[in-house]
Amino acid sequence: MTGTNIRFACIDSEAAPLFDKSKDGGITRTGYEPEAAQLVAEVLGRELEWVIVPWDDMIPAVIRGDADAVWCGQGIIPSRQAQVDFTRPYAVFNESVLVRAGDRATAPDHLGGYKVAAIEGSANMVLAETFPGAQLVPFGPTDDVFADMIQAVRDGTVDAMVDDDVVTVPLGDEPEFDLAFTAQTRNPWGVGVAKDNAPMLELLDTALAQVIADGRLAEVWARWMPHLPFPADTLSAGRPS
């Protein structure tokens, strides 16, 4: 690693409590992910810098060297592992399906014929592909794909959307939406590093291990996501194979 900054690629979007849309173009960000990333930067003695790019350019930005790693809702799935290497997880989430208020869908087999949105190439799309008879509507790339999917459900362009429970479940409390169901997928999320940058991977993984072991990551989790149990066992297990 060179320089005094650590550069993490992400989108600038409203996806609380993971992250809020910034007021300065991504320089200052709040939420679980930015605060967890700040812990790691502090362990490394580096200034945290966010490299704001569209969703589909986050991993390419890391591969090009425009960012040191991607720290932005990256479920550790085979299609991503083929492109970058991942640290140990810093989060584990399930996946939920959001529908418009009054919709009677409460299970995957209720979605036959539904237009179901998910981010293209995501773990959420992998889950959506298992819904019998669903018409999949891939979203991306846009500057704010999460907001685009929410709007598509709201205006009837699609009938449902799939995303991680941490951001989708709170939307079910809004009067215009209902939470159809949550799938217990237990997807681990990690920080993605270019495959030719093993030193960076080791630095980030070691720093994450430290803030997991000393309880600082659990404190950040409890501050932003008190409704979800901290997945201590999974996060302490180490780097994925």
Protein backbone atom coordinates (compact mmCIF):
# COMPACT_ATOMS: atom_id res chain seq x y z
CA MET A 1 0.00 0.00 0.00
CA THR A 2 1.33 3.40 -0.93
CA GLY A 3 0.41 6.89 0.15
CA THR A 4 -1.36 8.05 3.27
CA ASN A 5 -4.93 7.20 2.21
CA ILE A 6 -6.86 3.97 2.00
CA ARG A 7 -9.31 4.17 -0.91
CA PHE A 8 -12.58 2.23 -0.83
CA ALA A 9 -14.93 2.09 -3.82
CA CYS A 10 -18.66 2.46 -3.21
CA ILE A 11 -21.83 4.03 -4.57
CA ASP A 12 -23.32 7.18 -3.02
CA SER A 13 -26.87 6.10 -2.27
CA GLU A 14 -29.53 6.14 0.45
CA ALA A 15 -29.46 2.65 1.96
CA ALA A 16 -29.79 3.21 5.70
CA PRO A 17 -28.58 1.88 8.06
CA LEU A 18 -25.75 0.62 5.84
CA PHE A 19 -25.03 4.10 4.55
CA ASP A 20 -26.79 7.39 3.96
CA LYS A 21 -26.56 9.46 0.82
CA SER A 22 -23.83 12.00 1.45
CA LYS A 23 -24.26 15.75 1.25
CA ASP A 24 -20.87 16.34 -0.34
CA GLY A 25 -20.62 13.82 -3.16
CA GLY A 26 -19.25 10.98 -1.06
CA ILE A 27 -16.44 12.70 0.83
CA THR A 28 -18.27 12.38 4.16
CA ARG A 29 -20.43 9.29 4.62
CA THR A 30 -22.42 7.93 7.56
CA GLY A 31 -23.81 4.51 8.37
CA TYR A 32 -22.60 1.08 9.45
CA GLU A 33 -20.32 0.46 6.48
CA PRO A 34 -18.53 3.85 6.54
CA GLU A 35 -18.06 3.64 10.30
CA ALA A 36 -16.75 0.07 10.11
CA ALA A 37 -14.40 1.11 7.30
CA GLN A 38 -13.18 4.01 9.45
CA LEU A 39 -12.23 1.55 12.20
CA VAL A 40 -10.06 -0.37 9.76
CA ALA A 41 -8.48 2.81 8.41
CA GLU A 42 -7.59 3.85 11.95
CA VAL A 43 -5.97 0.48 12.67
CA LEU A 44 -3.88 0.92 9.52
CA GLY A 45 -3.01 4.52 10.39
CA ARG A 46 -4.44 5.77 7.10
CA GLU A 47 -6.89 8.45 6.05
CA LEU A 48 -10.12 7.00 4.65
CA GLU A 49 -11.03 8.11 1.12
CA TRP A 50 -14.21 7.07 -0.70
CA VAL A 51 -14.02 6.51 -4.45
CA ILE A 52 -17.59 7.01 -5.66
CA VAL A 53 -18.48 5.04 -8.80
CA PRO A 54 -21.59 3.35 -10.23
CA TRP A 55 -22.48 -0.06 -8.79
CA ASP A 56 -21.18 -2.04 -11.76
CA ASP A 57 -17.85 -0.18 -11.78
CA MET A 58 -16.84 -0.86 -8.17
CA ILE A 59 -14.98 -4.12 -8.77
CA PRO A 60 -13.50 -2.88 -12.09
CA ALA A 61 -12.25 0.23 -10.27
CA VAL A 62 -10.37 -2.00 -7.83
CA ILE A 63 -8.95 -4.15 -10.62
CA ARG A 64 -7.79 -0.99 -12.48
CA GLY A 65 -6.12 0.32 -9.33
CA ASP A 66 -8.43 3.34 -8.99
CA ALA A 67 -9.35 2.09 -5.50
CA ASP A 68 -7.59 -0.18 -3.03
CA ALA A 69 -10.69 -2.26 -2.31
CA VAL A 70 -14.46 -2.29 -2.71
CA TRP A 71 -16.33 -1.84 0.59
CA CYS A 72 -19.95 -1.59 -0.46
CA GLY A 73 -22.52 -4.33 0.15
CA GLN A 74 -20.53 -7.09 -1.51
CA GLY A 75 -21.96 -10.48 -0.70
CA ILE A 76 -19.22 -13.08 -1.07
CA ILE A 77 -20.54 -15.06 -4.03
CA PRO A 78 -18.68 -17.10 -6.69
CA SER A 79 -19.15 -14.57 -9.51
CA ARG A 80 -17.38 -11.92 -7.42
CA GLN A 81 -14.77 -14.30 -6.05
CA ALA A 82 -13.78 -14.97 -9.64
CA GLN A 83 -12.86 -11.28 -9.98
CA VAL A 84 -11.47 -10.26 -6.57
CA ASP A 85 -10.35 -11.85 -3.32
CA PHE A 86 -12.32 -11.17 -0.15
CA THR A 87 -11.37 -10.46 3.43
CA ARG A 88 -13.12 -12.21 6.29
CA PRO A 89 -16.74 -10.99 6.54
CA TYR A 90 -17.64 -7.80 8.37
CA ALA A 91 -21.39 -8.52 8.16
CA VAL A 92 -23.87 -11.34 7.56
CA PHE A 93 -27.38 -10.67 6.30
CA ASN A 94 -30.50 -12.45 5.09
CA GLU A 95 -32.57 -11.36 2.09
CA SER A 96 -36.11 -10.01 1.98
CA VAL A 97 -38.80 -9.43 -0.64
CA LEU A 98 -40.67 -6.13 -0.69
CA VAL A 99 -44.10 -5.69 -2.34
CA ARG A 100 -46.69 -2.93 -2.48
CA ALA A 101 -49.04 -2.53 0.46
CA GLY A 102 -51.93 -4.98 0.38
CA ASP A 103 -50.17 -7.59 -1.77
CA ARG A 104 -50.92 -11.09 -0.45
CA ALA A 105 -47.58 -12.67 -1.40
CA THR A 106 -45.92 -14.19 1.67
CA ALA A 107 -43.75 -16.96 0.20
CA PRO A 108 -41.58 -17.68 -2.87
CA ASP A 109 -44.25 -19.82 -4.54
CA HIS A 110 -46.65 -16.86 -4.44
CA LEU A 111 -44.48 -14.94 -6.91
CA GLY A 112 -45.35 -16.84 -10.08
CA GLY A 113 -45.96 -14.28 -12.83
CA TYR A 114 -44.65 -11.42 -10.68
CA LYS A 115 -42.07 -9.03 -12.10
CA VAL A 116 -39.30 -9.25 -9.48
CA ALA A 117 -36.47 -6.73 -9.40
CA ALA A 118 -32.95 -7.39 -8.13
CA ILE A 119 -29.54 -5.90 -8.85
CA GLU A 120 -27.94 -7.65 -11.81
CA GLY A 121 -25.15 -10.01 -10.78
CA SER A 122 -25.98 -9.77 -7.07
CA ALA A 123 -26.63 -12.37 -4.40
CA ASN A 124 -30.20 -11.03 -4.39
CA MET A 125 -30.57 -11.96 -8.06
CA VAL A 126 -29.26 -15.46 -7.29
CA LEU A 127 -32.08 -15.82 -4.76
CA ALA A 128 -34.68 -14.35 -7.14
CA GLU A 129 -33.74 -16.99 -9.72
CA THR A 130 -35.13 -19.63 -7.35
CA PHE A 131 -38.65 -18.15 -7.22
CA PRO A 132 -40.94 -20.43 -9.28
CA GLY A 133 -42.41 -18.67 -12.30
CA ALA A 134 -41.13 -15.19 -11.40
CA GLN A 135 -40.24 -12.79 -14.21
CA LEU A 136 -36.83 -11.44 -13.25
CA VAL A 137 -36.11 -7.76 -13.86
CA PRO A 138 -32.39 -7.02 -13.47
CA PHE A 139 -31.48 -3.48 -12.38
CA GLY A 140 -28.23 -1.68 -12.98
CA PRO A 141 -26.09 0.11 -13.64
CA THR A 142 -27.34 3.46 -12.33
CA ASP A 143 -26.01 5.98 -9.84
CA ASP A 144 -28.64 4.90 -7.28
CA VAL A 145 -29.90 1.45 -8.20
CA PHE A 146 -31.44 0.77 -4.77
CA ALA A 147 -33.62 3.88 -5.00
CA ASP A 148 -34.52 2.96 -8.58
CA MET A 149 -35.81 -0.44 -7.50
CA ILE A 150 -37.85 1.04 -4.67
CA GLN A 151 -39.43 3.50 -7.09
CA ALA A 152 -40.18 0.68 -9.54
CA VAL A 153 -42.12 -1.18 -6.83
CA ARG A 154 -43.86 2.04 -5.81
CA ASP A 155 -45.04 2.94 -9.33
CA GLY A 156 -45.91 -0.61 -10.40
CA THR A 157 -43.14 -1.08 -12.96
CA VAL A 158 -42.31 -4.24 -11.00
CA ASP A 159 -44.36 -6.20 -8.49
CA ALA A 160 -41.60 -6.96 -5.99
CA MET A 161 -37.92 -6.43 -5.26
CA VAL A 162 -35.28 -8.49 -3.49
CA ASP A 163 -32.59 -6.93 -1.34
CA ASP A 164 -30.82 -7.53 1.94
CA ASP A 165 -32.95 -7.58 5.07
CA VAL A 166 -30.98 -4.81 6.73
CA VAL A 167 -32.23 -2.26 4.17
CA THR A 168 -35.49 -3.88 3.04
CA VAL A 169 -37.16 -4.78 6.33
CA PRO A 170 -37.43 -1.12 7.48
CA LEU A 171 -39.23 -0.27 4.23
CA GLY A 172 -41.95 -2.76 5.16
CA ASP A 173 -42.98 -0.38 7.94
CA GLU A 174 -43.79 2.35 5.43
CA PRO A 175 -47.50 2.65 4.50
CA GLU A 176 -46.95 2.10 0.77
CA PHE A 177 -45.04 -1.20 1.14
CA ASP A 178 -45.36 -4.62 2.76
CA LEU A 179 -42.60 -7.07 3.59
CA ALA A 180 -43.58 -10.32 1.85
CA PHE A 181 -41.03 -12.61 3.53
CA THR A 182 -37.38 -12.98 4.52
CA ALA A 183 -35.20 -15.85 3.31
CA GLN A 184 -32.64 -17.07 5.84
CA THR A 185 -29.73 -17.02 3.39
CA ARG A 186 -27.05 -15.83 5.85
CA ASN A 187 -24.96 -14.15 3.16
CA PRO A 188 -21.51 -13.01 4.35
CA TRP A 189 -20.26 -9.62 3.14
CA GLY A 190 -16.58 -8.84 2.68
CA VAL A 191 -14.10 -6.30 1.38
CA GLY A 192 -12.97 -7.11 -2.17
CA VAL A 193 -9.31 -6.70 -3.17
CA ALA A 194 -7.61 -7.19 -6.55
CA LYS A 195 -6.20 -10.68 -6.97
CA ASP A 196 -2.71 -9.32 -7.64
CA ASN A 197 -2.67 -7.33 -4.39
CA ALA A 198 -2.15 -9.97 -1.69
CA PRO A 199 -0.42 -7.50 0.67
CA MET A 200 -3.53 -5.28 0.71
CA LEU A 201 -5.77 -8.28 1.34
CA GLU A 202 -3.63 -9.33 4.30
CA LEU A 203 -3.55 -5.80 5.76
CA LEU A 204 -7.31 -5.37 5.58
CA ASP A 205 -8.06 -8.87 6.85
CA THR A 206 -5.73 -8.45 9.82
CA ALA A 207 -7.23 -5.05 10.66
CA LEU A 208 -10.75 -6.47 10.47
CA ALA A 209 -9.75 -9.37 12.71
CA GLN A 210 -8.49 -6.86 15.27
CA VAL A 211 -11.66 -4.75 15.41
CA ILE A 212 -13.80 -7.91 15.58
CA ALA A 213 -11.73 -9.39 18.40
CA ASP A 214 -11.58 -6.22 20.50
CA GLY A 215 -15.33 -5.58 20.23
CA ARG A 216 -15.18 -2.30 18.32
CA LEU A 217 -17.02 -3.65 15.28
CA ALA A 218 -19.76 -5.06 17.51
CA GLU A 219 -20.20 -1.60 19.06
CA VAL A 220 -20.63 -0.03 15.62
CA TRP A 221 -23.11 -2.77 14.65
CA ALA A 222 -25.18 -2.19 17.80
CA ARG A 223 -25.26 1.56 17.16
CA TRP A 224 -26.59 1.25 13.60
CA MET A 225 -28.45 -2.08 13.62
CA PRO A 226 -29.65 -2.79 17.16
CA HIS A 227 -32.54 -4.88 15.78
CA LEU A 228 -30.14 -7.45 14.28
CA PRO A 229 -27.92 -9.82 16.31
CA PHE A 230 -24.19 -9.33 15.77
CA PRO A 231 -22.91 -12.45 13.89
CA ALA A 232 -19.82 -12.90 16.08
CA ASP A 233 -19.20 -16.59 15.30
CA THR A 234 -19.24 -16.10 11.52
CA LEU A 235 -17.10 -12.97 11.60
CA SER A 236 -14.52 -14.63 13.84
CA ALA A 237 -14.20 -17.66 11.59
CA GLY A 238 -11.77 -16.02 9.20
CA ARG A 239 -11.42 -15.51 5.49
CA PRO A 240 -13.69 -17.42 3.08
CA SER A 241 -12.19 -20.24 1.06
